[in-house]
Amino acid sequence: MYTEKQKIRVMMCTSLYRIEGDMYIIPGSRLTDTFNVKTHDFFPLTNVKVMHSLEDKVFYELNFVTVHRDSILLVFPVEEKKSEV
């Protein structure tokens, strides 16, 4: 069954990495609502950049990754950078 989703760019921080990617949530819901569903152990992200927690160097650019609930220390929405004309 297909459920419509809204794309939101997020940053997830773990003890070693900062993971930036697109997360999909139910339209009208909050980001915290997604994390309050205890049946989800892994959170899928697309268009991902993985960086070390202390550096801005990108280690990996991946199409898809899942992040385990227990490894996430912090998550927040990220504003897309707009290119200047």
PDB file of N, CA and C in Angstrom:
ATOM      1  N   MET A   1       0.835  -1.171   0.000  1.00  0.00           N
ATOM      2  CA  MET A   1       0.000   0.000   0.000  1.00  0.00           C
ATOM      3  C   MET A   1       0.889   1.246   0.000  1.00  0.00           C
ATOM      4  N   TYR A   2       0.593   2.185  -0.880  1.00  0.00           N
ATOM      5  CA  TYR A   2       1.374   3.412  -0.999  1.00  0.00           C
ATOM      6  C   TYR A   2       0.802   4.483  -0.080  1.00  0.00           C
ATOM      7  N   THR A   3       1.680   5.146   0.650  1.00  0.00           N
ATOM      8  CA  THR A   3       1.309   6.278   1.491  1.00  0.00           C
ATOM      9  C   THR A   3       2.081   7.492   1.005  1.00  0.00           C
ATOM     10  N   GLU A   4       1.373   8.589   0.765  1.00  0.00           N
ATOM     11  CA  GLU A   4       2.044   9.807   0.326  1.00  0.00           C
ATOM     12  C   GLU A   4       2.973  10.306   1.423  1.00  0.00           C
ATOM     13  N   LYS A   5       4.149  10.770   1.042  1.00  0.00           N
ATOM     14  CA  LYS A   5       5.145  11.251   2.007  1.00  0.00           C
ATOM     15  C   LYS A   5       5.659  12.627   1.603  1.00  0.00           C
ATOM     16  N   GLN A   6       6.140  13.354   2.574  1.00  0.00           N
ATOM     17  CA  GLN A   6       6.751  14.668   2.370  1.00  0.00           C
ATOM     18  C   GLN A   6       8.249  14.540   2.625  1.00  0.00           C
ATOM     19  N   LYS A   7       9.058  15.083   1.707  1.00  0.00           N
ATOM     20  CA  LYS A   7      10.517  15.010   1.859  1.00  0.00           C
ATOM     21  C   LYS A   7      10.989  16.164   2.735  1.00  0.00           C
ATOM     22  N   ILE A   8      11.869  15.846   3.692  1.00  0.00           N
ATOM     23  CA  ILE A   8      12.471  16.860   4.553  1.00  0.00           C
ATOM     24  C   ILE A   8      13.960  16.545   4.668  1.00  0.00           C
ATOM     25  N   ARG A   9      14.799  17.557   4.523  1.00  0.00           N
ATOM     26  CA  ARG A   9      16.257  17.386   4.645  1.00  0.00           C
ATOM     27  C   ARG A   9      16.612  17.441   6.126  1.00  0.00           C
ATOM     28  N   VAL A  10      17.336  16.437   6.613  1.00  0.00           N
ATOM     29  CA  VAL A  10      17.678  16.370   8.036  1.00  0.00           C
ATOM     30  C   VAL A  10      19.166  16.143   8.229  1.00  0.00           C
ATOM     31  N   MET A  11      19.630  16.476   9.418  1.00  0.00           N
ATOM     32  CA  MET A  11      20.984  16.158   9.871  1.00  0.00           C
ATOM     33  C   MET A  11      20.830  15.254  11.078  1.00  0.00           C
ATOM     34  N   MET A  12      21.438  14.070  11.020  1.00  0.00           N
ATOM     35  CA  MET A  12      21.466  13.147  12.158  1.00  0.00           C
ATOM     36  C   MET A  12      22.900  13.096  12.659  1.00  0.00           C
ATOM     37  N   CYS A  13      23.070  13.248  13.955  1.00  0.00           N
ATOM     38  CA  CYS A  13      24.396  13.173  14.550  1.00  0.00           C
ATOM     39  C   CYS A  13      24.501  11.919  15.393  1.00  0.00           C
ATOM     40  N   THR A  14      25.597  11.185  15.185  1.00  0.00           N
ATOM     41  CA  THR A  14      25.915  10.015  16.005  1.00  0.00           C
ATOM     42  C   THR A  14      27.202  10.350  16.758  1.00  0.00           C
ATOM     43  N   SER A  15      27.720   9.402  17.495  1.00  0.00           N
ATOM     44  CA  SER A  15      28.949   9.677  18.241  1.00  0.00           C
ATOM     45  C   SER A  15      30.143   9.929  17.317  1.00  0.00           C
ATOM     46  N   LEU A  16      30.122   9.367  16.098  1.00  0.00           N
ATOM     47  CA  LEU A  16      31.251   9.529  15.181  1.00  0.00           C
ATOM     48  C   LEU A  16      30.938  10.329  13.925  1.00  0.00           C
ATOM     49  N   TYR A  17      29.673  10.373  13.513  1.00  0.00           N
ATOM     50  CA  TYR A  17      29.335  10.935  12.213  1.00  0.00           C
ATOM     51  C   TYR A  17      28.201  11.942  12.265  1.00  0.00           C
ATOM     52  N   ARG A  18      28.219  12.822  11.261  1.00  0.00           N
ATOM     53  CA  ARG A  18      27.071  13.669  10.936  1.00  0.00           C
ATOM     54  C   ARG A  18      26.540  13.139   9.610  1.00  0.00           C
ATOM     55  N   ILE A  19      25.275  12.830   9.576  1.00  0.00           N
ATOM     56  CA  ILE A  19      24.667  12.234   8.398  1.00  0.00           C
ATOM     57  C   ILE A  19      23.562  13.160   7.918  1.00  0.00           C
ATOM     58  N   GLU A  20      23.750  13.721   6.720  1.00  0.00           N
ATOM     59  CA  GLU A  20      22.753  14.615   6.142  1.00  0.00           C
ATOM     60  C   GLU A  20      22.062  13.900   4.994  1.00  0.00           C
ATOM     61  N   GLY A  21      20.728  13.915   5.009  1.00  0.00           N
ATOM     62  CA  GLY A  21      19.997  13.241   3.948  1.00  0.00           C
ATOM     63  C   GLY A  21      18.530  13.606   3.938  1.00  0.00           C
ATOM     64  N   ASP A  22      17.829  13.091   2.938  1.00  0.00           N
ATOM     65  CA  ASP A  22      16.398  13.328   2.802  1.00  0.00           C
ATOM     66  C   ASP A  22      15.634  12.238   3.544  1.00  0.00           C
ATOM     67  N   MET A  23      14.732  12.664   4.407  1.00  0.00           N
ATOM     68  CA  MET A  23      13.870  11.755   5.163  1.00  0.00           C
ATOM     69  C   MET A  23      12.445  12.004   4.699  1.00  0.00           C
ATOM     70  N   TYR A  24      11.619  11.001   4.741  1.00  0.00           N
ATOM     71  CA  TYR A  24      10.252  11.113   4.255  1.00  0.00           C
ATOM     72  C   TYR A  24       9.282  10.909   5.410  1.00  0.00           C
ATOM     73  N   ILE A  25       8.407  11.909   5.601  1.00  0.00           N
ATOM     74  CA  ILE A  25       7.447  11.859   6.698  1.00  0.00           C
ATOM     75  C   ILE A  25       6.034  12.022   6.126  1.00  0.00           C
ATOM     76  N   ILE A  26       5.049  11.649   6.915  1.00  0.00           N
ATOM     77  CA  ILE A  26       3.660  11.800   6.503  1.00  0.00           C
ATOM     78  C   ILE A  26       3.327  13.293   6.477  1.00  0.00           C
ATOM     79  N   PRO A  27       2.719  13.783   5.397  1.00  0.00           N
ATOM     80  CA  PRO A  27       2.391  15.210   5.305  1.00  0.00           C
ATOM     81  C   PRO A  27       1.565  15.676   6.506  1.00  0.00           C
ATOM     82  N   GLY A  28       1.937  16.823   7.043  1.00  0.00           N
ATOM     83  CA  GLY A  28       1.228  17.373   8.187  1.00  0.00           C
ATOM     84  C   GLY A  28       1.741  16.895   9.529  1.00  0.00           C
ATOM     85  N   SER A  29       2.634  15.894   9.515  1.00  0.00           N
ATOM     86  CA  SER A  29       3.195  15.401  10.781  1.00  0.00           C
ATOM     87  C   SER A  29       4.487  16.152  11.088  1.00  0.00           C
ATOM     88  N   ARG A  30       4.919  16.018  12.322  1.00  0.00           N
ATOM     89  CA  ARG A  30       6.178  16.654  12.737  1.00  0.00           C
ATOM     90  C   ARG A  30       7.309  15.637  12.650  1.00  0.00           C
ATOM     91  N   LEU A  31       8.512  16.134  12.584  1.00  0.00           N
ATOM     92  CA  LEU A  31       9.681  15.252  12.552  1.00  0.00           C
ATOM     93  C   LEU A  31       9.703  14.377  13.805  1.00  0.00           C
ATOM     94  N   THR A  32       9.362  14.951  14.943  1.00  0.00           N
ATOM     95  CA  THR A  32       9.367  14.183  16.202  1.00  0.00           C
ATOM     96  C   THR A  32       8.331  13.064  16.189  1.00  0.00           C
ATOM     97  N   ASP A  33       7.235  13.237  15.456  1.00  0.00           N
ATOM     98  CA  ASP A  33       6.220  12.174  15.363  1.00  0.00           C
ATOM     99  C   ASP A  33       6.825  10.910  14.761  1.00  0.00           C
ATOM    100  N   THR A  34       7.696  11.072  13.782  1.00  0.00           N
ATOM    101  CA  THR A  34       8.346   9.927  13.132  1.00  0.00           C
ATOM    102  C   THR A  34       9.215   9.162  14.126  1.00  0.00           C
ATOM    103  N   PHE A  35       9.917   9.874  14.984  1.00  0.00           N
ATOM    104  CA  PHE A  35      10.819   9.226  15.941  1.00  0.00           C
ATOM    105  C   PHE A  35      10.077   8.653  17.142  1.00  0.00           C
ATOM    106  N   ASN A  36       8.853   9.074  17.371  1.00  0.00           N
ATOM    107  CA  ASN A  36       8.073   8.557  18.490  1.00  0.00           C
ATOM    108  C   ASN A  36       7.410   7.222  18.182  1.00  0.00           C
ATOM    109  N   VAL A  37       7.454   6.770  16.927  1.00  0.00           N
ATOM    110  CA  VAL A  37       6.915   5.456  16.560  1.00  0.00           C
ATOM    111  C   VAL A  37       7.950   4.411  16.957  1.00  0.00           C
ATOM    112  N   LYS A  38       7.669   3.687  18.023  1.00  0.00           N
ATOM    113  CA  LYS A  38       8.666   2.761  18.601  1.00  0.00           C
ATOM    114  C   LYS A  38       8.888   1.506  17.758  1.00  0.00           C
ATOM    115  N   THR A  39       8.055   1.253  16.756  1.00  0.00           N
ATOM    116  CA  THR A  39       8.239   0.058  15.928  1.00  0.00           C
ATOM    117  C   THR A  39       9.303   0.240  14.859  1.00  0.00           C
ATOM    118  N   HIS A  40       9.781   1.487  14.666  1.00  0.00           N
ATOM    119  CA  HIS A  40      10.828   1.739  13.684  1.00  0.00           C
ATOM    120  C   HIS A  40      12.194   1.731  14.364  1.00  0.00           C
ATOM    121  N   ASP A  41      13.010   0.699  14.063  1.00  0.00           N
ATOM    122  CA  ASP A  41      14.363   0.632  14.610  1.00  0.00           C
ATOM    123  C   ASP A  41      15.376   1.319  13.702  1.00  0.00           C
ATOM    124  N   PHE A  42      15.057   1.402  12.408  1.00  0.00           N
ATOM    125  CA  PHE A  42      15.941   2.026  11.436  1.00  0.00           C
ATOM    126  C   PHE A  42      15.185   3.119  10.704  1.00  0.00           C
ATOM    127  N   PHE A  43      15.889   4.214  10.402  1.00  0.00           N
ATOM    128  CA  PHE A  43      15.303   5.326   9.676  1.00  0.00           C
ATOM    129  C   PHE A  43      16.018   5.464   8.337  1.00  0.00           C
ATOM    130  N   PRO A  44      15.282   5.307   7.220  1.00  0.00           N
ATOM    131  CA  PRO A  44      15.905   5.402   5.900  1.00  0.00           C
ATOM    132  C   PRO A  44      16.119   6.851   5.476  1.00  0.00           C
ATOM    133  N   LEU A  45      17.247   7.096   4.805  1.00  0.00           N
ATOM    134  CA  LEU A  45      17.579   8.405   4.239  1.00  0.00           C
ATOM    135  C   LEU A  45      18.035   8.199   2.801  1.00  0.00           C
ATOM    136  N   THR A  46      17.742   9.164   1.943  1.00  0.00           N
ATOM    137  CA  THR A  46      18.225   9.137   0.568  1.00  0.00           C
ATOM    138  C   THR A  46      19.074  10.388   0.322  1.00  0.00           C
ATOM    139  N   ASN A  47      19.845  10.376  -0.774  1.00  0.00           N
ATOM    140  CA  ASN A  47      20.729  11.502  -1.133  1.00  0.00           C
ATOM    141  C   ASN A  47      21.580  11.928   0.065  1.00  0.00           C
ATOM    142  N   VAL A  48      22.394  11.004   0.536  1.00  0.00           N
ATOM    143  CA  VAL A  48      23.077  11.121   1.827  1.00  0.00           C
ATOM    144  C   VAL A  48      24.525  11.582   1.685  1.00  0.00           C
ATOM    145  N   LYS A  49      24.942  12.421   2.645  1.00  0.00           N
ATOM    146  CA  LYS A  49      26.348  12.792   2.826  1.00  0.00           C
ATOM    147  C   LYS A  49      26.726  12.393   4.243  1.00  0.00           C
ATOM    148  N   VAL A  50      27.813  11.625   4.373  1.00  0.00           N
ATOM    149  CA  VAL A  50      28.306  11.188   5.680  1.00  0.00           C
ATOM    150  C   VAL A  50      29.618  11.920   5.949  1.00  0.00           C
ATOM    151  N   MET A  51      29.663  12.627   7.088  1.00  0.00           N
ATOM    152  CA  MET A  51      30.843  13.404   7.470  1.00  0.00           C
ATOM    153  C   MET A  51      31.285  12.994   8.868  1.00  0.00           C
ATOM    154  N   HIS A  52      32.551  13.170   9.174  1.00  0.00           N
ATOM    155  CA  HIS A  52      33.044  12.947  10.527  1.00  0.00           C
ATOM    156  C   HIS A  52      32.428  14.004  11.427  1.00  0.00           C
ATOM    157  N   SER A  53      32.191  13.680  12.679  1.00  0.00           N
ATOM    158  CA  SER A  53      31.519  14.616  13.584  1.00  0.00           C
ATOM    159  C   SER A  53      32.315  15.887  13.852  1.00  0.00           C
ATOM    160  N   LEU A  54      33.642  15.837  13.687  1.00  0.00           N
ATOM    161  CA  LEU A  54      34.475  16.997  13.992  1.00  0.00           C
ATOM    162  C   LEU A  54      35.031  17.712  12.764  1.00  0.00           C
ATOM    163  N   GLU A  55      34.754  17.192  11.569  1.00  0.00           N
ATOM    164  CA  GLU A  55      35.287  17.779  10.342  1.00  0.00           C
ATOM    165  C   GLU A  55      34.169  18.005   9.337  1.00  0.00           C
ATOM    166  N   ASP A  56      34.407  18.898   8.388  1.00  0.00           N
ATOM    167  CA  ASP A  56      33.432  19.125   7.327  1.00  0.00           C
ATOM    168  C   ASP A  56      33.699  18.262   6.094  1.00  0.00           C
ATOM    169  N   LYS A  57      34.715  17.426   6.153  1.00  0.00           N
ATOM    170  CA  LYS A  57      35.055  16.568   5.026  1.00  0.00           C
ATOM    171  C   LYS A  57      33.987  15.485   4.838  1.00  0.00           C
ATOM    172  N   VAL A  58      33.505  15.357   3.603  1.00  0.00           N
ATOM    173  CA  VAL A  58      32.507  14.335   3.284  1.00  0.00           C
ATOM    174  C   VAL A  58      33.238  13.019   3.010  1.00  0.00           C
ATOM    175  N   PHE A  59      32.928  11.986   3.822  1.00  0.00           N
ATOM    176  CA  PHE A  59      33.539  10.664   3.639  1.00  0.00           C
ATOM    177  C   PHE A  59      32.814   9.857   2.569  1.00  0.00           C
ATOM    178  N   TYR A  60      31.498   9.925   2.579  1.00  0.00           N
ATOM    179  CA  TYR A  60      30.690   9.145   1.644  1.00  0.00           C
ATOM    180  C   TYR A  60      29.543   9.987   1.125  1.00  0.00           C
ATOM    181  N   GLU A  61      29.207   9.773  -0.133  1.00  0.00           N
ATOM    182  CA  GLU A  61      27.966  10.286  -0.716  1.00  0.00           C
ATOM    183  C   GLU A  61      27.234   9.068  -1.236  1.00  0.00           C
ATOM    184  N   LEU A  62      26.058   8.809  -0.676  1.00  0.00           N
ATOM    185  CA  LEU A  62      25.319   7.587  -0.961  1.00  0.00           C
ATOM    186  C   LEU A  62      23.897   7.902  -1.404  1.00  0.00           C
ATOM    187  N   ASN A  63      23.330   7.001  -2.211  1.00  0.00           N
ATOM    188  CA  ASN A  63      21.934   7.153  -2.623  1.00  0.00           C
ATOM    189  C   ASN A  63      20.973   6.776  -1.504  1.00  0.00           C
ATOM    190  N   PHE A  64      21.375   5.824  -0.659  1.00  0.00           N
ATOM    191  CA  PHE A  64      20.482   5.313   0.373  1.00  0.00           C
ATOM    192  C   PHE A  64      21.278   4.793   1.566  1.00  0.00           C
ATOM    193  N   VAL A  65      20.766   5.055   2.751  1.00  0.00           N
ATOM    194  CA  VAL A  65      21.346   4.500   3.970  1.00  0.00           C
ATOM    195  C   VAL A  65      20.237   4.418   5.025  1.00  0.00           C
ATOM    196  N   THR A  66      20.372   3.498   5.967  1.00  0.00           N
ATOM    197  CA  THR A  66      19.466   3.462   7.109  1.00  0.00           C
ATOM    198  C   THR A  66      20.288   3.682   8.369  1.00  0.00           C
ATOM    199  N   VAL A  67      19.712   4.405   9.321  1.00  0.00           N
ATOM    200  CA  VAL A  67      20.408   4.727  10.562  1.00  0.00           C
ATOM    201  C   VAL A  67      19.619   4.117  11.716  1.00  0.00           C
ATOM    202  N   HIS A  68      20.313   3.380  12.577  1.00  0.00           N
ATOM    203  CA  HIS A  68      19.653   2.724  13.708  1.00  0.00           C
ATOM    204  C   HIS A  68      19.268   3.738  14.782  1.00  0.00           C
ATOM    205  N   ARG A  69      18.087   3.571  15.299  1.00  0.00           N
ATOM    206  CA  ARG A  69      17.522   4.459  16.325  1.00  0.00           C
ATOM    207  C   ARG A  69      18.485   4.701  17.488  1.00  0.00           C
ATOM    208  N   ASP A  70      19.129   3.654  17.988  1.00  0.00           N
ATOM    209  CA  ASP A  70      19.984   3.766  19.172  1.00  0.00           C
ATOM    210  C   ASP A  70      21.277   4.548  18.927  1.00  0.00           C
ATOM    211  N   SER A  71      21.657   4.719  17.672  1.00  0.00           N
ATOM    212  CA  SER A  71      22.909   5.443  17.388  1.00  0.00           C
ATOM    213  C   SER A  71      22.690   6.944  17.210  1.00  0.00           C
ATOM    214  N   ILE A  72      21.452   7.380  17.119  1.00  0.00           N
ATOM    215  CA  ILE A  72      21.151   8.794  16.876  1.00  0.00           C
ATOM    216  C   ILE A  72      21.192   9.574  18.187  1.00  0.00           C
ATOM    217  N   LEU A  73      22.052  10.588  18.242  1.00  0.00           N
ATOM    218  CA  LEU A  73      22.150  11.460  19.407  1.00  0.00           C
ATOM    219  C   LEU A  73      21.337  12.735  19.226  1.00  0.00           C
ATOM    220  N   LEU A  74      21.239  13.191  17.976  1.00  0.00           N
ATOM    221  CA  LEU A  74      20.604  14.462  17.676  1.00  0.00           C
ATOM    222  C   LEU A  74      20.091  14.418  16.244  1.00  0.00           C
ATOM    223  N   VAL A  75      18.917  14.988  16.013  1.00  0.00           N
ATOM    224  CA  VAL A  75      18.390  15.106  14.650  1.00  0.00           C
ATOM    225  C   VAL A  75      17.660  16.440  14.537  1.00  0.00           C
ATOM    226  N   PHE A  76      17.855  17.100  13.384  1.00  0.00           N
ATOM    227  CA  PHE A  76      17.163  18.372  13.168  1.00  0.00           C
ATOM    228  C   PHE A  76      17.013  18.615  11.669  1.00  0.00           C
ATOM    229  N   PRO A  77      16.002  19.409  11.289  1.00  0.00           N
ATOM    230  CA  PRO A  77      15.824  19.731   9.873  1.00  0.00           C
ATOM    231  C   PRO A  77      16.896  20.700   9.404  1.00  0.00           C
ATOM    232  N   VAL A  78      17.286  20.569   8.148  1.00  0.00           N
ATOM    233  CA  VAL A  78      18.320  21.409   7.550  1.00  0.00           C
ATOM    234  C   VAL A  78      17.694  22.208   6.415  1.00  0.00           C
ATOM    235  N   GLU A  79      17.978  23.484   6.381  1.00  0.00           N
ATOM    236  CA  GLU A  79      17.528  24.336   5.279  1.00  0.00           C
ATOM    237  C   GLU A  79      18.407  24.060   4.073  1.00  0.00           C
ATOM    238  N   GLU A  80      17.793  23.911   2.922  1.00  0.00           N
ATOM    239  CA  GLU A  80      18.567  23.752   1.700  1.00  0.00           C
ATOM    240  C   GLU A  80      19.249  25.069   1.389  1.00  0.00           C
ATOM    241  N   LYS A  81      20.514  25.017   0.984  1.00  0.00           N
ATOM    242  CA  LYS A  81      21.237  26.225   0.596  1.00  0.00           C
ATOM    243  C   LYS A  81      20.767  26.670  -0.783  1.00  0.00           C
ATOM    244  N   LYS A  82      20.389  27.910  -0.877  1.00  0.00           N
ATOM    245  CA  LYS A  82      19.923  28.451  -2.148  1.00  0.00           C
ATOM    246  C   LYS A  82      21.103  29.070  -2.890  1.00  0.00           C
ATOM    247  N   SER A  83      21.183  28.766  -4.173  1.00  0.00           N
ATOM    248  CA  SER A  83      22.273  29.350  -4.953  1.00  0.00           C
ATOM    249  C   SER A  83      21.943  30.803  -5.274  1.00  0.00           C
ATOM    250  N   GLU A  84      22.975  31.629  -5.236  1.00  0.00           N
ATOM    251  CA  GLU A  84      22.801  33.053  -5.518  1.00  0.00           C
ATOM    252  C   GLU A  84      22.985  33.290  -7.005  1.00  0.00           C
ATOM    253  N   VAL A  85      22.162  34.152  -7.557  1.00  0.00           N
ATOM    254  CA  VAL A  85      22.226  34.449  -8.989  1.00  0.00           C
ATOM    255  C   VAL A  85      22.911  35.766  -9.216  1.00  0.00           C
TER     256      VAL A  85
END
